[in-house]
Amino acid sequence: MDYYKILGLTTNATKDEIKEAFRTIAKQFHPDKHSASPKSVRDGATLKFKQASEAYEVLVDDHKRKHYNNNIRSNRTNQGYGYGNYGYEYTYDNRTKRNYDYYGSSRKASVSRAQIALGYINSRAFLLHLVFAGAILSGLAVVEIGRDKIWKMQNSGKSFEEAMESIQKTKVNEKE
């Protein structure tokens, strides 16, 4: 995605020109302005507004702009996560299977099992599984406690083991 093209600017645009171009596009494509429009028009305007916002975020920051300009010059197009998405400070190029850090240097993409496990532990799915397992264990504990209470109410003075022994003796006596 060419941020300069989205904002209608050249690569030597000043910060004031970037701000003015963004304001113009934001006024034209802001989602609130198209709230009564048909869905296709509303979706198109929202997409253009998001693209312009992303372009503005990168081009107005000197450090991000320098990094972006270096990527354009070296002809590394980002086909992975997208610049700035999710707060990552690196990008991933699907063609070369390489990560590019914030400063544009590349390294072979590799993820350890520990990184995968840590990612899962920090995910919403892990928390949901943890809550579900906790609910099941709590339910089992309640059933166990309830079973013991009911046993004691019905068989005062006898333990479960004693009752099983008396049943075994009764079965043996019936066979004889």
C-alpha atoms as a PDB file:
ATOM      1  CA  MET A   1       0.000   0.000   0.000  1.00  0.00           C
ATOM      2  CA  ASP A   2       1.496   3.340  -1.064  1.00  0.00           C
ATOM      3  CA  TYR A   3       0.772   5.827   1.717  1.00  0.00           C
ATOM      4  CA  TYR A   4       1.794   8.811  -0.397  1.00  0.00           C
ATOM      5  CA  LYS A   5      -0.614   7.778  -3.151  1.00  0.00           C
ATOM      6  CA  ILE A   6      -3.455   7.296  -0.655  1.00  0.00           C
ATOM      7  CA  LEU A   7      -3.021  10.857   0.609  1.00  0.00           C
ATOM      8  CA  GLY A   8      -2.296  12.204  -2.892  1.00  0.00           C
ATOM      9  CA  LEU A   9       1.196  13.440  -1.981  1.00  0.00           C
ATOM     10  CA  THR A  10       4.750  13.184  -3.211  1.00  0.00           C
ATOM     11  CA  THR A  11       7.570  11.647  -1.164  1.00  0.00           C
ATOM     12  CA  ASN A  12       8.968  15.094  -0.273  1.00  0.00           C
ATOM     13  CA  ALA A  13       5.715  16.368   1.304  1.00  0.00           C
ATOM     14  CA  THR A  14       5.985  18.386   4.510  1.00  0.00           C
ATOM     15  CA  LYS A  15       4.191  17.561   7.754  1.00  0.00           C
ATOM     16  CA  ASP A  16       1.737  20.401   7.161  1.00  0.00           C
ATOM     17  CA  GLU A  17       0.910  19.047   3.689  1.00  0.00           C
ATOM     18  CA  ILE A  18       0.411  15.564   5.157  1.00  0.00           C
ATOM     19  CA  LYS A  19      -1.926  16.919   7.852  1.00  0.00           C
ATOM     20  CA  GLU A  20      -3.938  18.941   5.351  1.00  0.00           C
ATOM     21  CA  ALA A  21      -4.258  15.998   2.930  1.00  0.00           C
ATOM     22  CA  PHE A  22      -5.415  13.752   5.761  1.00  0.00           C
ATOM     23  CA  ARG A  23      -7.978  16.316   6.971  1.00  0.00           C
ATOM     24  CA  THR A  24      -9.404  16.609   3.466  1.00  0.00           C
ATOM     25  CA  ILE A  25      -9.740  12.835   3.061  1.00  0.00           C
ATOM     26  CA  ALA A  26     -11.051  12.415   6.619  1.00  0.00           C
ATOM     27  CA  LYS A  27     -13.811  14.984   5.994  1.00  0.00           C
ATOM     28  CA  GLN A  28     -14.772  13.270   2.749  1.00  0.00           C
ATOM     29  CA  PHE A  29     -14.717   9.625   3.919  1.00  0.00           C
ATOM     30  CA  HIS A  30     -15.401   9.746   7.679  1.00  0.00           C
ATOM     31  CA  PRO A  31     -17.781   6.877   8.644  1.00  0.00           C
ATOM     32  CA  ASP A  32     -20.130   9.237  10.527  1.00  0.00           C
ATOM     33  CA  LYS A  33     -20.691  11.245   7.347  1.00  0.00           C
ATOM     34  CA  HIS A  34     -21.785   8.066   5.512  1.00  0.00           C
ATOM     35  CA  SER A  35     -23.944   6.554   8.264  1.00  0.00           C
ATOM     36  CA  ALA A  36     -27.129   6.974   6.166  1.00  0.00           C
ATOM     37  CA  SER A  37     -25.500   5.791   2.925  1.00  0.00           C
ATOM     38  CA  PRO A  38     -26.025   2.321   1.428  1.00  0.00           C
ATOM     39  CA  LYS A  39     -23.836  -0.428   2.905  1.00  0.00           C
ATOM     40  CA  SER A  40     -21.497  -0.661  -0.109  1.00  0.00           C
ATOM     41  CA  VAL A  41     -20.816   3.087  -0.064  1.00  0.00           C
ATOM     42  CA  ARG A  42     -20.427   3.070   3.732  1.00  0.00           C
ATOM     43  CA  ASP A  43     -17.960   0.145   3.592  1.00  0.00           C
ATOM     44  CA  GLY A  44     -15.922   1.793   0.844  1.00  0.00           C
ATOM     45  CA  ALA A  45     -15.751   5.073   2.748  1.00  0.00           C
ATOM     46  CA  THR A  46     -14.741   3.279   5.940  1.00  0.00           C
ATOM     47  CA  LEU A  47     -11.957   1.442   4.107  1.00  0.00           C
ATOM     48  CA  LYS A  48     -10.612   4.662   2.573  1.00  0.00           C
ATOM     49  CA  PHE A  49     -10.764   6.391   5.954  1.00  0.00           C
ATOM     50  CA  LYS A  50      -8.832   3.551   7.623  1.00  0.00           C
ATOM     51  CA  GLN A  51      -6.206   3.572   4.878  1.00  0.00           C
ATOM     52  CA  ALA A  52      -5.819   7.338   5.161  1.00  0.00           C
ATOM     53  CA  SER A  53      -5.539   7.083   8.960  1.00  0.00           C
ATOM     54  CA  GLU A  54      -2.817   4.445   8.675  1.00  0.00           C
ATOM     55  CA  ALA A  55      -0.969   6.507   6.061  1.00  0.00           C
ATOM     56  CA  TYR A  56      -1.182   9.616   8.242  1.00  0.00           C
ATOM     57  CA  GLU A  57       0.025   7.718  11.328  1.00  0.00           C
ATOM     58  CA  VAL A  58       3.132   6.540   9.478  1.00  0.00           C
ATOM     59  CA  LEU A  59       3.972   9.644   7.450  1.00  0.00           C
ATOM     60  CA  VAL A  60       3.540  12.218  10.218  1.00  0.00           C
ATOM     61  CA  ASP A  61       5.998  10.392  12.516  1.00  0.00           C
ATOM     62  CA  ASP A  62       9.591  11.042  11.359  1.00  0.00           C
ATOM     63  CA  HIS A  63      10.942   7.689  12.561  1.00  0.00           C
ATOM     64  CA  LYS A  64       8.123   5.635  11.016  1.00  0.00           C
ATOM     65  CA  ARG A  65       8.309   7.666   7.796  1.00  0.00           C
ATOM     66  CA  LYS A  66      12.058   7.034   7.484  1.00  0.00           C
ATOM     67  CA  HIS A  67      11.497   3.307   7.970  1.00  0.00           C
ATOM     68  CA  TYR A  68       8.651   3.334   5.427  1.00  0.00           C
ATOM     69  CA  ASN A  69      10.725   5.261   2.875  1.00  0.00           C
ATOM     70  CA  ASN A  70      13.620   2.812   3.315  1.00  0.00           C
ATOM     71  CA  ASN A  71      11.258  -0.086   2.618  1.00  0.00           C
ATOM     72  CA  ILE A  72       9.973   1.604  -0.544  1.00  0.00           C
ATOM     73  CA  ARG A  73      13.508   2.279  -1.807  1.00  0.00           C
ATOM     74  CA  SER A  74      14.659  -1.284  -1.232  1.00  0.00           C
ATOM     75  CA  ASN A  75      11.450  -2.501  -2.921  1.00  0.00           C
ATOM     76  CA  ARG A  76      10.318  -4.638   0.012  1.00  0.00           C
ATOM     77  CA  THR A  77       6.569  -4.748  -0.161  1.00  0.00           C
ATOM     78  CA  ASN A  78       4.786  -5.831   2.937  1.00  0.00           C
ATOM     79  CA  GLN A  79       2.366  -8.647   2.257  1.00  0.00           C
ATOM     80  CA  GLY A  80       2.046  -9.907   5.796  1.00  0.00           C
ATOM     81  CA  TYR A  81       0.524  -8.350   8.874  1.00  0.00           C
ATOM     82  CA  GLY A  82       0.684  -4.767   7.654  1.00  0.00           C
ATOM     83  CA  TYR A  83       2.745  -1.938   9.015  1.00  0.00           C
ATOM     84  CA  GLY A  84       1.674  -0.880  12.471  1.00  0.00           C
ATOM     85  CA  ASN A  85      -1.131  -3.408  12.911  1.00  0.00           C
ATOM     86  CA  TYR A  86      -1.553  -4.751  16.422  1.00  0.00           C
ATOM     87  CA  GLY A  87       1.280  -2.556  17.706  1.00  0.00           C
ATOM     88  CA  TYR A  88       4.006  -4.881  16.388  1.00  0.00           C
ATOM     89  CA  GLU A  89       7.301  -3.259  15.669  1.00  0.00           C
ATOM     90  CA  TYR A  90       8.135  -5.618  12.831  1.00  0.00           C
ATOM     91  CA  THR A  91       6.609  -6.765   9.589  1.00  0.00           C
ATOM     92  CA  TYR A  92       6.524 -10.120   7.866  1.00  0.00           C
ATOM     93  CA  ASP A  93       6.981 -10.691   4.156  1.00  0.00           C
ATOM     94  CA  ASN A  94       5.181 -13.800   2.921  1.00  0.00           C
ATOM     95  CA  ARG A  95       7.244 -13.965  -0.287  1.00  0.00           C
ATOM     96  CA  THR A  96      10.630 -14.278   1.407  1.00  0.00           C
ATOM     97  CA  LYS A  97       9.396 -15.759   4.723  1.00  0.00           C
ATOM     98  CA  ARG A  98      11.420 -13.159   6.581  1.00  0.00           C
ATOM     99  CA  ASN A  99      10.662 -10.801   9.455  1.00  0.00           C
ATOM    100  CA  TYR A 100      11.712  -7.173   9.188  1.00  0.00           C
ATOM    101  CA  ASP A 101      12.269  -5.368  12.457  1.00  0.00           C
ATOM    102  CA  TYR A 102      11.455  -1.728  13.080  1.00  0.00           C
ATOM    103  CA  TYR A 103      14.663  -0.582  11.410  1.00  0.00           C
ATOM    104  CA  GLY A 104      14.285  -2.686   8.291  1.00  0.00           C
ATOM    105  CA  SER A 105      16.880  -5.387   8.964  1.00  0.00           C
ATOM    106  CA  SER A 106      15.723  -8.889   8.140  1.00  0.00           C
ATOM    107  CA  ARG A 107      16.043 -12.174   9.963  1.00  0.00           C
ATOM    108  CA  LYS A 108      14.752 -15.657   9.103  1.00  0.00           C
ATOM    109  CA  ALA A 109      11.306 -16.250  10.588  1.00  0.00           C
ATOM    110  CA  SER A 110      11.449 -18.775  13.383  1.00  0.00           C
ATOM    111  CA  VAL A 111       9.196 -19.232  16.355  1.00  0.00           C
ATOM    112  CA  SER A 112      10.136 -21.422  19.290  1.00  0.00           C
ATOM    113  CA  ARG A 113       7.716 -23.670  21.132  1.00  0.00           C
ATOM    114  CA  ALA A 114       8.097 -21.455  24.179  1.00  0.00           C
ATOM    115  CA  GLN A 115       6.966 -18.417  22.157  1.00  0.00           C
ATOM    116  CA  ILE A 116       3.967 -20.350  20.864  1.00  0.00           C
ATOM    117  CA  ALA A 117       3.080 -21.512  24.400  1.00  0.00           C
ATOM    118  CA  LEU A 118       3.464 -17.997  25.778  1.00  0.00           C
ATOM    119  CA  GLY A 119       1.274 -16.655  22.995  1.00  0.00           C
ATOM    120  CA  TYR A 120      -1.405 -19.218  23.828  1.00  0.00           C
ATOM    121  CA  ILE A 121      -1.223 -18.510  27.569  1.00  0.00           C
ATOM    122  CA  ASN A 122      -1.773 -14.810  26.856  1.00  0.00           C
ATOM    123  CA  SER A 123      -4.741 -15.467  24.567  1.00  0.00           C
ATOM    124  CA  ARG A 124      -8.444 -15.192  25.265  1.00  0.00           C
ATOM    125  CA  ALA A 125      -8.939 -18.856  24.307  1.00  0.00           C
ATOM    126  CA  PHE A 126      -6.616 -19.964  27.107  1.00  0.00           C
ATOM    127  CA  LEU A 127      -8.548 -17.933  29.643  1.00  0.00           C
ATOM    128  CA  LEU A 128     -11.837 -19.379  28.427  1.00  0.00           C
ATOM    129  CA  HIS A 129     -10.437 -22.915  28.683  1.00  0.00           C
ATOM    130  CA  LEU A 130      -9.127 -22.147  32.158  1.00  0.00           C
ATOM    131  CA  VAL A 131     -12.529 -20.867  33.307  1.00  0.00           C
ATOM    132  CA  PHE A 132     -14.274 -23.890  31.798  1.00  0.00           C
ATOM    133  CA  ALA A 133     -11.874 -26.318  33.514  1.00  0.00           C
ATOM    134  CA  GLY A 134     -12.336 -24.463  36.799  1.00  0.00           C
ATOM    135  CA  ALA A 135     -16.114 -24.710  36.491  1.00  0.00           C
ATOM    136  CA  ILE A 136     -15.928 -28.457  35.826  1.00  0.00           C
ATOM    137  CA  LEU A 137     -13.565 -29.060  38.769  1.00  0.00           C
ATOM    138  CA  SER A 138     -15.767 -26.964  41.045  1.00  0.00           C
ATOM    139  CA  GLY A 139     -18.795 -28.972  39.950  1.00  0.00           C
ATOM    140  CA  LEU A 140     -17.014 -32.235  40.669  1.00  0.00           C
ATOM    141  CA  ALA A 141     -16.018 -30.990  44.132  1.00  0.00           C
ATOM    142  CA  VAL A 142     -19.634 -30.039  44.898  1.00  0.00           C
ATOM    143  CA  VAL A 143     -20.848 -33.471  43.750  1.00  0.00           C
ATOM    144  CA  GLU A 144     -18.230 -35.226  45.906  1.00  0.00           C
ATOM    145  CA  ILE A 145     -19.084 -33.186  48.999  1.00  0.00           C
ATOM    146  CA  GLY A 146     -22.799 -33.712  48.386  1.00  0.00           C
ATOM    147  CA  ARG A 147     -22.335 -37.460  47.969  1.00  0.00           C
ATOM    148  CA  ASP A 148     -20.480 -37.676  51.275  1.00  0.00           C
ATOM    149  CA  LYS A 149     -23.165 -35.646  53.065  1.00  0.00           C
ATOM    150  CA  ILE A 150     -25.960 -37.807  51.659  1.00  0.00           C
ATOM    151  CA  TRP A 151     -24.073 -40.989  52.623  1.00  0.00           C
ATOM    152  CA  LYS A 152     -23.652 -39.787  56.188  1.00  0.00           C
ATOM    153  CA  MET A 153     -27.351 -38.862  56.426  1.00  0.00           C
ATOM    154  CA  GLN A 154     -28.495 -42.266  55.178  1.00  0.00           C
ATOM    155  CA  ASN A 155     -25.876 -44.414  56.948  1.00  0.00           C
ATOM    156  CA  SER A 156     -25.047 -42.841  60.259  1.00  0.00           C
ATOM    157  CA  GLY A 157     -22.134 -44.481  62.026  1.00  0.00           C
ATOM    158  CA  LYS A 158     -20.919 -46.512  59.014  1.00  0.00           C
ATOM    159  CA  SER A 159     -18.206 -45.652  56.576  1.00  0.00           C
ATOM    160  CA  PHE A 160     -18.477 -46.563  52.912  1.00  0.00           C
ATOM    161  CA  GLU A 161     -15.863 -49.296  53.331  1.00  0.00           C
ATOM    162  CA  GLU A 162     -17.742 -50.878  56.259  1.00  0.00           C
ATOM    163  CA  ALA A 163     -20.961 -50.885  54.226  1.00  0.00           C
ATOM    164  CA  MET A 164     -19.194 -52.597  51.310  1.00  0.00           C
ATOM    165  CA  GLU A 165     -17.813 -55.271  53.650  1.00  0.00           C
ATOM    166  CA  SER A 166     -21.281 -55.980  55.063  1.00  0.00           C
ATOM    167  CA  ILE A 167     -22.672 -56.279  51.514  1.00  0.00           C
ATOM    168  CA  GLN A 168     -19.921 -58.769  50.608  1.00  0.00           C
ATOM    169  CA  LYS A 169     -20.683 -60.821  53.743  1.00  0.00           C
ATOM    170  CA  THR A 170     -24.368 -60.840  52.874  1.00  0.00           C
ATOM    171  CA  LYS A 171     -23.623 -62.092  49.335  1.00  0.00           C
ATOM    172  CA  VAL A 172     -21.372 -64.851  50.687  1.00  0.00           C
ATOM    173  CA  ASN A 173     -24.043 -65.934  53.203  1.00  0.00           C
ATOM    174  CA  GLU A 174     -26.720 -66.043  50.494  1.00  0.00           C
ATOM    175  CA  LYS A 175     -24.569 -68.344  48.323  1.00  0.00           C
ATOM    176  CA  GLU A 176     -24.101 -70.827  51.190  1.00  0.00           C
END
